[in-house]
Amino acid sequence: MKSRKIAGDAGAETRIVILESGEEAFAALTKFANEAGITAASLTAIGAFENATVGWFDFEKKNLQENRNRAAMRSLERDRRCCGRR
């Protein structure tokens, strides 16, 4: 994993994190946040994954939805349910 701070103001920073092929994203990002002392953050971009599970809370059904196929990653921005729509 590589990381770099690319912007920052008082109380807000923008960092880029690049994972190695085969690294598990959630574990690597959790480790990065812990080591950097990050207690709250938002993820604004994802490059590519070999395999991924995308999850979101469906407010209408009141449950967690998951999608485990590659097409989910390509359509994430277009799927309004993934954006926290109530």
PDB file of N, CA and C in Angstrom:
ATOM      1  N   MET A   1       0.849  -1.175   0.000  1.00  0.00           N
ATOM      2  CA  MET A   1       0.000   0.000   0.000  1.00  0.00           C
ATOM      3  C   MET A   1       0.888   1.229   0.000  1.00  0.00           C
ATOM      4  N   LYS A   2       0.495   2.208  -0.810  1.00  0.00           N
ATOM      5  CA  LYS A   2       1.173   3.504  -0.842  1.00  0.00           C
ATOM      6  C   LYS A   2       0.128   4.565  -0.535  1.00  0.00           C
ATOM      7  N   SER A   3       0.550   5.638   0.106  1.00  0.00           N
ATOM      8  CA  SER A   3      -0.378   6.736   0.376  1.00  0.00           C
ATOM      9  C   SER A   3       0.361   8.059   0.291  1.00  0.00           C
ATOM     10  N   ARG A   4      -0.421   9.094   0.022  1.00  0.00           N
ATOM     11  CA  ARG A   4       0.153  10.428  -0.068  1.00  0.00           C
ATOM     12  C   ARG A   4      -0.937  11.459   0.208  1.00  0.00           C
ATOM     13  N   LYS A   5      -0.595  12.481   0.936  1.00  0.00           N
ATOM     14  CA  LYS A   5      -1.495  13.614   1.160  1.00  0.00           C
ATOM     15  C   LYS A   5      -1.411  14.506  -0.069  1.00  0.00           C
ATOM     16  N   ILE A   6      -2.567  14.817  -0.678  1.00  0.00           N
ATOM     17  CA  ILE A   6      -2.546  15.650  -1.883  1.00  0.00           C
ATOM     18  C   ILE A   6      -3.153  17.030  -1.667  1.00  0.00           C
ATOM     19  N   ALA A   7      -3.839  17.219  -0.541  1.00  0.00           N
ATOM     20  CA  ALA A   7      -4.393  18.545  -0.216  1.00  0.00           C
ATOM     21  C   ALA A   7      -4.720  18.562   1.268  1.00  0.00           C
ATOM     22  N   GLY A   8      -4.775  19.746   1.829  1.00  0.00           N
ATOM     23  CA  GLY A   8      -5.138  19.817   3.234  1.00  0.00           C
ATOM     24  C   GLY A   8      -5.343  21.226   3.725  1.00  0.00           C
ATOM     25  N   ASP A   9      -6.375  21.394   4.524  1.00  0.00           N
ATOM     26  CA  ASP A   9      -6.676  22.633   5.223  1.00  0.00           C
ATOM     27  C   ASP A   9      -6.782  22.274   6.699  1.00  0.00           C
ATOM     28  N   ALA A  10      -6.971  23.252   7.528  1.00  0.00           N
ATOM     29  CA  ALA A  10      -7.160  22.996   8.960  1.00  0.00           C
ATOM     30  C   ALA A  10      -8.406  22.130   9.146  1.00  0.00           C
ATOM     31  N   GLY A  11      -8.223  20.935   9.668  1.00  0.00           N
ATOM     32  CA  GLY A  11      -9.346  20.051   9.935  1.00  0.00           C
ATOM     33  C   GLY A  11      -9.798  19.192   8.777  1.00  0.00           C
ATOM     34  N   ALA A  12      -9.233  19.374   7.597  1.00  0.00           N
ATOM     35  CA  ALA A  12      -9.632  18.565   6.441  1.00  0.00           C
ATOM     36  C   ALA A  12      -8.421  18.274   5.572  1.00  0.00           C
ATOM     37  N   GLU A  13      -8.297  17.033   5.171  1.00  0.00           N
ATOM     38  CA  GLU A  13      -7.199  16.621   4.302  1.00  0.00           C
ATOM     39  C   GLU A  13      -7.735  15.742   3.197  1.00  0.00           C
ATOM     40  N   THR A  14      -7.035  15.709   2.083  1.00  0.00           N
ATOM     41  CA  THR A  14      -7.335  14.778   1.006  1.00  0.00           C
ATOM     42  C   THR A  14      -6.106  13.907   0.812  1.00  0.00           C
ATOM     43  N   ARG A  15      -6.320  12.609   0.876  1.00  0.00           N
ATOM     44  CA  ARG A  15      -5.225  11.653   0.719  1.00  0.00           C
ATOM     45  C   ARG A  15      -5.573  10.661  -0.367  1.00  0.00           C
ATOM     46  N   ILE A  16      -4.556  10.144  -1.015  1.00  0.00           N
ATOM     47  CA  ILE A  16      -4.734   9.097  -2.002  1.00  0.00           C
ATOM     48  C   ILE A  16      -4.070   7.841  -1.448  1.00  0.00           C
ATOM     49  N   VAL A  17      -4.749   6.716  -1.590  1.00  0.00           N
ATOM     50  CA  VAL A  17      -4.223   5.437  -1.131  1.00  0.00           C
ATOM     51  C   VAL A  17      -4.256   4.481  -2.314  1.00  0.00           C
ATOM     52  N   ILE A  18      -3.113   3.875  -2.604  1.00  0.00           N
ATOM     53  CA  ILE A  18      -3.006   2.921  -3.705  1.00  0.00           C
ATOM     54  C   ILE A  18      -2.655   1.561  -3.111  1.00  0.00           C
ATOM     55  N   LEU A  19      -3.507   0.585  -3.360  1.00  0.00           N
ATOM     56  CA  LEU A  19      -3.297  -0.750  -2.833  1.00  0.00           C
ATOM     57  C   LEU A  19      -2.574  -1.611  -3.864  1.00  0.00           C
ATOM     58  N   GLU A  20      -1.841  -2.586  -3.378  1.00  0.00           N
ATOM     59  CA  GLU A  20      -1.163  -3.538  -4.249  1.00  0.00           C
ATOM     60  C   GLU A  20      -2.179  -4.574  -4.730  1.00  0.00           C
ATOM     61  N   SER A  21      -1.916  -5.179  -5.850  1.00  0.00           N
ATOM     62  CA  SER A  21      -2.766  -6.245  -6.364  1.00  0.00           C
ATOM     63  C   SER A  21      -2.864  -7.351  -5.325  1.00  0.00           C
ATOM     64  N   GLY A  22      -4.078  -7.773  -5.035  1.00  0.00           N
ATOM     65  CA  GLY A  22      -4.296  -8.832  -4.070  1.00  0.00           C
ATOM     66  C   GLY A  22      -4.548  -8.359  -2.656  1.00  0.00           C
ATOM     67  N   GLU A  23      -4.283  -7.086  -2.352  1.00  0.00           N
ATOM     68  CA  GLU A  23      -4.549  -6.576  -1.008  1.00  0.00           C
ATOM     69  C   GLU A  23      -6.054  -6.508  -0.771  1.00  0.00           C
ATOM     70  N   GLU A  24      -6.475  -6.840   0.431  1.00  0.00           N
ATOM     71  CA  GLU A  24      -7.880  -6.765   0.794  1.00  0.00           C
ATOM     72  C   GLU A  24      -8.178  -5.316   1.157  1.00  0.00           C
ATOM     73  N   ALA A  25      -9.091  -4.680   0.427  1.00  0.00           N
ATOM     74  CA  ALA A  25      -9.318  -3.235   0.539  1.00  0.00           C
ATOM     75  C   ALA A  25      -9.746  -2.792   1.930  1.00  0.00           C
ATOM     76  N   PHE A  26     -10.739  -3.435   2.517  1.00  0.00           N
ATOM     77  CA  PHE A  26     -11.237  -2.985   3.814  1.00  0.00           C
ATOM     78  C   PHE A  26     -10.147  -3.062   4.873  1.00  0.00           C
ATOM     79  N   ALA A  27      -9.422  -4.170   4.913  1.00  0.00           N
ATOM     80  CA  ALA A  27      -8.351  -4.328   5.905  1.00  0.00           C
ATOM     81  C   ALA A  27      -7.242  -3.300   5.689  1.00  0.00           C
ATOM     82  N   ALA A  28      -6.853  -3.079   4.434  1.00  0.00           N
ATOM     83  CA  ALA A  28      -5.780  -2.128   4.143  1.00  0.00           C
ATOM     84  C   ALA A  28      -6.191  -0.700   4.478  1.00  0.00           C
ATOM     85  N   LEU A  29      -7.410  -0.313   4.144  1.00  0.00           N
ATOM     86  CA  LEU A  29      -7.870   1.047   4.440  1.00  0.00           C
ATOM     87  C   LEU A  29      -8.064   1.256   5.937  1.00  0.00           C
ATOM     88  N   THR A  30      -8.504   0.220   6.651  1.00  0.00           N
ATOM     89  CA  THR A  30      -8.627   0.307   8.104  1.00  0.00           C
ATOM     90  C   THR A  30      -7.253   0.500   8.741  1.00  0.00           C
ATOM     91  N   LYS A  31      -6.282  -0.278   8.287  1.00  0.00           N
ATOM     92  CA  LYS A  31      -4.915  -0.146   8.798  1.00  0.00           C
ATOM     93  C   LYS A  31      -4.370   1.255   8.511  1.00  0.00           C
ATOM     94  N   PHE A  32      -4.580   1.740   7.298  1.00  0.00           N
ATOM     95  CA  PHE A  32      -4.129   3.073   6.913  1.00  0.00           C
ATOM     96  C   PHE A  32      -4.740   4.135   7.828  1.00  0.00           C
ATOM     97  N   ALA A  33      -6.062   4.068   8.030  1.00  0.00           N
ATOM     98  CA  ALA A  33      -6.753   5.056   8.865  1.00  0.00           C
ATOM     99  C   ALA A  33      -6.243   5.019  10.301  1.00  0.00           C
ATOM    100  N   ASN A  34      -6.055   3.827  10.836  1.00  0.00           N
ATOM    101  CA  ASN A  34      -5.548   3.703  12.205  1.00  0.00           C
ATOM    102  C   ASN A  34      -4.145   4.288  12.330  1.00  0.00           C
ATOM    103  N   GLU A  35      -3.271   3.953  11.405  1.00  0.00           N
ATOM    104  CA  GLU A  35      -1.891   4.450  11.452  1.00  0.00           C
ATOM    105  C   GLU A  35      -1.807   5.961  11.249  1.00  0.00           C
ATOM    106  N   ALA A  36      -2.722   6.516  10.446  1.00  0.00           N
ATOM    107  CA  ALA A  36      -2.720   7.950  10.174  1.00  0.00           C
ATOM    108  C   ALA A  36      -3.515   8.736  11.213  1.00  0.00           C
ATOM    109  N   GLY A  37      -4.170   8.048  12.142  1.00  0.00           N
ATOM    110  CA  GLY A  37      -4.963   8.726  13.160  1.00  0.00           C
ATOM    111  C   GLY A  37      -6.259   9.307  12.620  1.00  0.00           C
ATOM    112  N   ILE A  38      -6.780   8.740  11.568  1.00  0.00           N
ATOM    113  CA  ILE A  38      -8.027   9.217  10.961  1.00  0.00           C
ATOM    114  C   ILE A  38      -9.196   8.592  11.701  1.00  0.00           C
ATOM    115  N   THR A  39     -10.074   9.435  12.248  1.00  0.00           N
ATOM    116  CA  THR A  39     -11.223   8.941  13.001  1.00  0.00           C
ATOM    117  C   THR A  39     -12.542   9.072  12.250  1.00  0.00           C
ATOM    118  N   ALA A  40     -12.585   9.881  11.201  1.00  0.00           N
ATOM    119  CA  ALA A  40     -13.780  10.029  10.366  1.00  0.00           C
ATOM    120  C   ALA A  40     -13.327  10.367   8.952  1.00  0.00           C
ATOM    121  N   ALA A  41     -14.003   9.791   7.972  1.00  0.00           N
ATOM    122  CA  ALA A  41     -13.584  10.015   6.587  1.00  0.00           C
ATOM    123  C   ALA A  41     -14.713   9.673   5.636  1.00  0.00           C
ATOM    124  N   SER A  42     -14.548  10.077   4.394  1.00  0.00           N
ATOM    125  CA  SER A  42     -15.449   9.653   3.327  1.00  0.00           C
ATOM    126  C   SER A  42     -14.597   9.164   2.170  1.00  0.00           C
ATOM    127  N   LEU A  43     -15.105   8.164   1.491  1.00  0.00           N
ATOM    128  CA  LEU A  43     -14.412   7.586   0.342  1.00  0.00           C
ATOM    129  C   LEU A  43     -15.071   8.135  -0.910  1.00  0.00           C
ATOM    130  N   THR A  44     -14.299   8.809  -1.754  1.00  0.00           N
ATOM    131  CA  THR A  44     -14.907   9.469  -2.900  1.00  0.00           C
ATOM    132  C   THR A  44     -14.570   8.851  -4.241  1.00  0.00           C
ATOM    133  N   ALA A  45     -13.630   7.925  -4.303  1.00  0.00           N
ATOM    134  CA  ALA A  45     -13.299   7.315  -5.585  1.00  0.00           C
ATOM    135  C   ALA A  45     -12.687   5.938  -5.371  1.00  0.00           C
ATOM    136  N   ILE A  46     -13.002   5.045  -6.270  1.00  0.00           N
ATOM    137  CA  ILE A  46     -12.426   3.712  -6.251  1.00  0.00           C
ATOM    138  C   ILE A  46     -11.972   3.407  -7.672  1.00  0.00           C
ATOM    139  N   GLY A  47     -10.775   2.871  -7.804  1.00  0.00           N
ATOM    140  CA  GLY A  47     -10.259   2.522  -9.124  1.00  0.00           C
ATOM    141  C   GLY A  47     -10.825   1.210  -9.624  1.00  0.00           C
ATOM    142  N   ALA A  48     -10.153   0.122  -9.345  1.00  0.00           N
ATOM    143  CA  ALA A  48     -10.581  -1.177  -9.852  1.00  0.00           C
ATOM    144  C   ALA A  48     -10.363  -2.251  -8.800  1.00  0.00           C
ATOM    145  N   PHE A  49     -11.211  -3.257  -8.850  1.00  0.00           N
ATOM    146  CA  PHE A  49     -11.105  -4.397  -7.957  1.00  0.00           C
ATOM    147  C   PHE A  49     -11.142  -5.666  -8.786  1.00  0.00           C
ATOM    148  N   GLU A  50     -10.423  -6.665  -8.323  1.00  0.00           N
ATOM    149  CA  GLU A  50     -10.516  -7.979  -8.959  1.00  0.00           C
ATOM    150  C   GLU A  50     -11.846  -8.622  -8.588  1.00  0.00           C
ATOM    151  N   ASN A  51     -12.195  -8.569  -7.310  1.00  0.00           N
ATOM    152  CA  ASN A  51     -13.463  -9.061  -6.782  1.00  0.00           C
ATOM    153  C   ASN A  51     -13.934  -8.093  -5.714  1.00  0.00           C
ATOM    154  N   ALA A  52     -15.234  -7.889  -5.617  1.00  0.00           N
ATOM    155  CA  ALA A  52     -15.741  -6.955  -4.611  1.00  0.00           C
ATOM    156  C   ALA A  52     -17.171  -7.295  -4.234  1.00  0.00           C
ATOM    157  N   THR A  53     -17.525  -6.961  -3.009  1.00  0.00           N
ATOM    158  CA  THR A  53     -18.910  -6.997  -2.554  1.00  0.00           C
ATOM    159  C   THR A  53     -19.300  -5.568  -2.240  1.00  0.00           C
ATOM    160  N   VAL A  54     -20.325  -5.080  -2.887  1.00  0.00           N
ATOM    161  CA  VAL A  54     -20.821  -3.731  -2.658  1.00  0.00           C
ATOM    162  C   VAL A  54     -22.057  -3.846  -1.780  1.00  0.00           C
ATOM    163  N   GLY A  55     -22.079  -3.087  -0.689  1.00  0.00           N
ATOM    164  CA  GLY A  55     -23.228  -3.139   0.202  1.00  0.00           C
ATOM    165  C   GLY A  55     -23.785  -1.756   0.462  1.00  0.00           C
ATOM    166  N   TRP A  56     -25.070  -1.697   0.719  1.00  0.00           N
ATOM    167  CA  TRP A  56     -25.728  -0.438   1.046  1.00  0.00           C
ATOM    168  C   TRP A  56     -26.986  -0.751   1.840  1.00  0.00           C
ATOM    169  N   PHE A  57     -27.436   0.213   2.608  1.00  0.00           N
ATOM    170  CA  PHE A  57     -28.654   0.033   3.391  1.00  0.00           C
ATOM    171  C   PHE A  57     -29.835   0.534   2.579  1.00  0.00           C
ATOM    172  N   ASP A  58     -30.821  -0.328   2.381  1.00  0.00           N
ATOM    173  CA  ASP A  58     -32.042   0.017   1.659  1.00  0.00           C
ATOM    174  C   ASP A  58     -33.054   0.521   2.690  1.00  0.00           C
ATOM    175  N   PHE A  59     -33.287   1.831   2.703  1.00  0.00           N
ATOM    176  CA  PHE A  59     -34.165   2.427   3.702  1.00  0.00           C
ATOM    177  C   PHE A  59     -35.615   1.987   3.539  1.00  0.00           C
ATOM    178  N   GLU A  60     -36.049   1.739   2.299  1.00  0.00           N
ATOM    179  CA  GLU A  60     -37.428   1.308   2.089  1.00  0.00           C
ATOM    180  C   GLU A  60     -37.667  -0.107   2.620  1.00  0.00           C
ATOM    181  N   LYS A  61     -36.705  -1.013   2.382  1.00  0.00           N
ATOM    182  CA  LYS A  61     -36.838  -2.399   2.847  1.00  0.00           C
ATOM    183  C   LYS A  61     -36.302  -2.589   4.262  1.00  0.00           C
ATOM    184  N   LYS A  62     -35.577  -1.578   4.755  1.00  0.00           N
ATOM    185  CA  LYS A  62     -34.984  -1.602   6.089  1.00  0.00           C
ATOM    186  C   LYS A  62     -34.045  -2.792   6.289  1.00  0.00           C
ATOM    187  N   ASN A  63     -33.186  -3.019   5.282  1.00  0.00           N
ATOM    188  CA  ASN A  63     -32.183  -4.072   5.416  1.00  0.00           C
ATOM    189  C   ASN A  63     -30.960  -3.768   4.546  1.00  0.00           C
ATOM    190  N   LEU A  64     -29.918  -4.540   4.798  1.00  0.00           N
ATOM    191  CA  LEU A  64     -28.671  -4.379   4.055  1.00  0.00           C
ATOM    192  C   LEU A  64     -28.750  -5.153   2.752  1.00  0.00           C
ATOM    193  N   GLN A  65     -28.410  -4.510   1.668  1.00  0.00           N
ATOM    194  CA  GLN A  65     -28.378  -5.145   0.354  1.00  0.00           C
ATOM    195  C   GLN A  65     -26.919  -5.371  -0.031  1.00  0.00           C
ATOM    196  N   GLU A  66     -26.632  -6.459  -0.712  1.00  0.00           N
ATOM    197  CA  GLU A  66     -25.280  -6.736  -1.184  1.00  0.00           C
ATOM    198  C   GLU A  66     -25.314  -7.171  -2.628  1.00  0.00           C
ATOM    199  N   ASN A  67     -24.261  -6.832  -3.346  1.00  0.00           N
ATOM    200  CA  ASN A  67     -24.107  -7.266  -4.721  1.00  0.00           C
ATOM    201  C   ASN A  67     -22.660  -7.696  -4.875  1.00  0.00           C
ATOM    202  N   ARG A  68     -22.431  -8.908  -5.341  1.00  0.00           N
ATOM    203  CA  ARG A  68     -21.077  -9.447  -5.410  1.00  0.00           C
ATOM    204  C   ARG A  68     -20.551  -9.617  -6.821  1.00  0.00           C
ATOM    205  N   ASN A  69     -21.130  -8.976  -7.801  1.00  0.00           N
ATOM    206  CA  ASN A  69     -20.593  -9.162  -9.146  1.00  0.00           C
ATOM    207  C   ASN A  69     -19.847  -7.934  -9.633  1.00  0.00           C
ATOM    208  N   ARG A  70     -19.053  -8.096 -10.646  1.00  0.00           N
ATOM    209  CA  ARG A  70     -18.229  -7.004 -11.170  1.00  0.00           C
ATOM    210  C   ARG A  70     -19.055  -5.883 -11.769  1.00  0.00           C
ATOM    211  N   ALA A  71     -20.209  -6.197 -12.309  1.00  0.00           N
ATOM    212  CA  ALA A  71     -21.055  -5.158 -12.899  1.00  0.00           C
ATOM    213  C   ALA A  71     -21.474  -4.135 -11.851  1.00  0.00           C
ATOM    214  N   ALA A  72     -21.584  -4.566 -10.607  1.00  0.00           N
ATOM    215  CA  ALA A  72     -21.974  -3.635  -9.541  1.00  0.00           C
ATOM    216  C   ALA A  72     -20.957  -2.521  -9.400  1.00  0.00           C
ATOM    217  N   MET A  73     -19.688  -2.823  -9.556  1.00  0.00           N
ATOM    218  CA  MET A  73     -18.660  -1.799  -9.441  1.00  0.00           C
ATOM    219  C   MET A  73     -18.765  -0.784 -10.577  1.00  0.00           C
ATOM    220  N   ARG A  74     -19.060  -1.262 -11.774  1.00  0.00           N
ATOM    221  CA  ARG A  74     -19.165  -0.350 -12.913  1.00  0.00           C
ATOM    222  C   ARG A  74     -20.391   0.548 -12.813  1.00  0.00           C
ATOM    223  N   SER A  75     -21.441   0.058 -12.161  1.00  0.00           N
ATOM    224  CA  SER A  75     -22.678   0.838 -12.121  1.00  0.00           C
ATOM    225  C   SER A  75     -22.907   1.533 -10.789  1.00  0.00           C
ATOM    226  N   LEU A  76     -21.927   1.502  -9.906  1.00  0.00           N
ATOM    227  CA  LEU A  76     -22.113   2.055  -8.558  1.00  0.00           C
ATOM    228  C   LEU A  76     -22.582   3.499  -8.589  1.00  0.00           C
ATOM    229  N   GLU A  77     -21.986   4.331  -9.429  1.00  0.00           N
ATOM    230  CA  GLU A  77     -22.371   5.744  -9.452  1.00  0.00           C
ATOM    231  C   GLU A  77     -23.767   5.948  -9.996  1.00  0.00           C
ATOM    232  N   ARG A  78     -24.231   5.036 -10.838  1.00  0.00           N
ATOM    233  CA  ARG A  78     -25.554   5.201 -11.433  1.00  0.00           C
ATOM    234  C   ARG A  78     -26.664   4.631 -10.571  1.00  0.00           C
ATOM    235  N   ASP A  79     -26.312   3.795  -9.601  1.00  0.00           N
ATOM    236  CA  ASP A  79     -27.317   3.137  -8.778  1.00  0.00           C
ATOM    237  C   ASP A  79     -27.666   4.034  -7.595  1.00  0.00           C
ATOM    238  N   ARG A  80     -28.821   4.654  -7.635  1.00  0.00           N
ATOM    239  CA  ARG A  80     -29.202   5.607  -6.601  1.00  0.00           C
ATOM    240  C   ARG A  80     -29.276   4.965  -5.223  1.00  0.00           C
ATOM    241  N   ARG A  81     -29.549   3.675  -5.138  1.00  0.00           N
ATOM    242  CA  ARG A  81     -29.620   3.018  -3.838  1.00  0.00           C
ATOM    243  C   ARG A  81     -28.263   3.051  -3.150  1.00  0.00           C
ATOM    244  N   CYS A  82     -27.176   3.047  -3.896  1.00  0.00           N
ATOM    245  CA  CYS A  82     -25.833   3.052  -3.316  1.00  0.00           C
ATOM    246  C   CYS A  82     -25.441   4.424  -2.788  1.00  0.00           C
ATOM    247  N   CYS A  83     -26.221   5.413  -3.089  1.00  0.00           N
ATOM    248  CA  CYS A  83     -25.880   6.774  -2.701  1.00  0.00           C
ATOM    249  C   CYS A  83     -26.616   7.215  -1.445  1.00  0.00           C
ATOM    250  N   GLY A  84     -27.216   6.308  -0.737  1.00  0.00           N
ATOM    251  CA  GLY A  84     -27.893   6.664   0.508  1.00  0.00           C
ATOM    252  C   GLY A  84     -29.272   7.279   0.302  1.00  0.00           C
ATOM    253  N   ARG A  85     -29.875   7.031  -0.841  1.00  0.00           N
ATOM    254  CA  ARG A  85     -31.204   7.585  -1.127  1.00  0.00           C
ATOM    255  C   ARG A  85     -32.216   7.029  -0.139  1.00  0.00           C
ATOM    256  N   ARG A  86     -33.026   7.914   0.410  1.00  0.00           N
ATOM    257  CA  ARG A  86     -34.068   7.491   1.366  1.00  0.00           C
ATOM    258  C   ARG A  86     -35.402   7.391   0.706  1.00  0.00           C
TER     259      ARG A  86
END
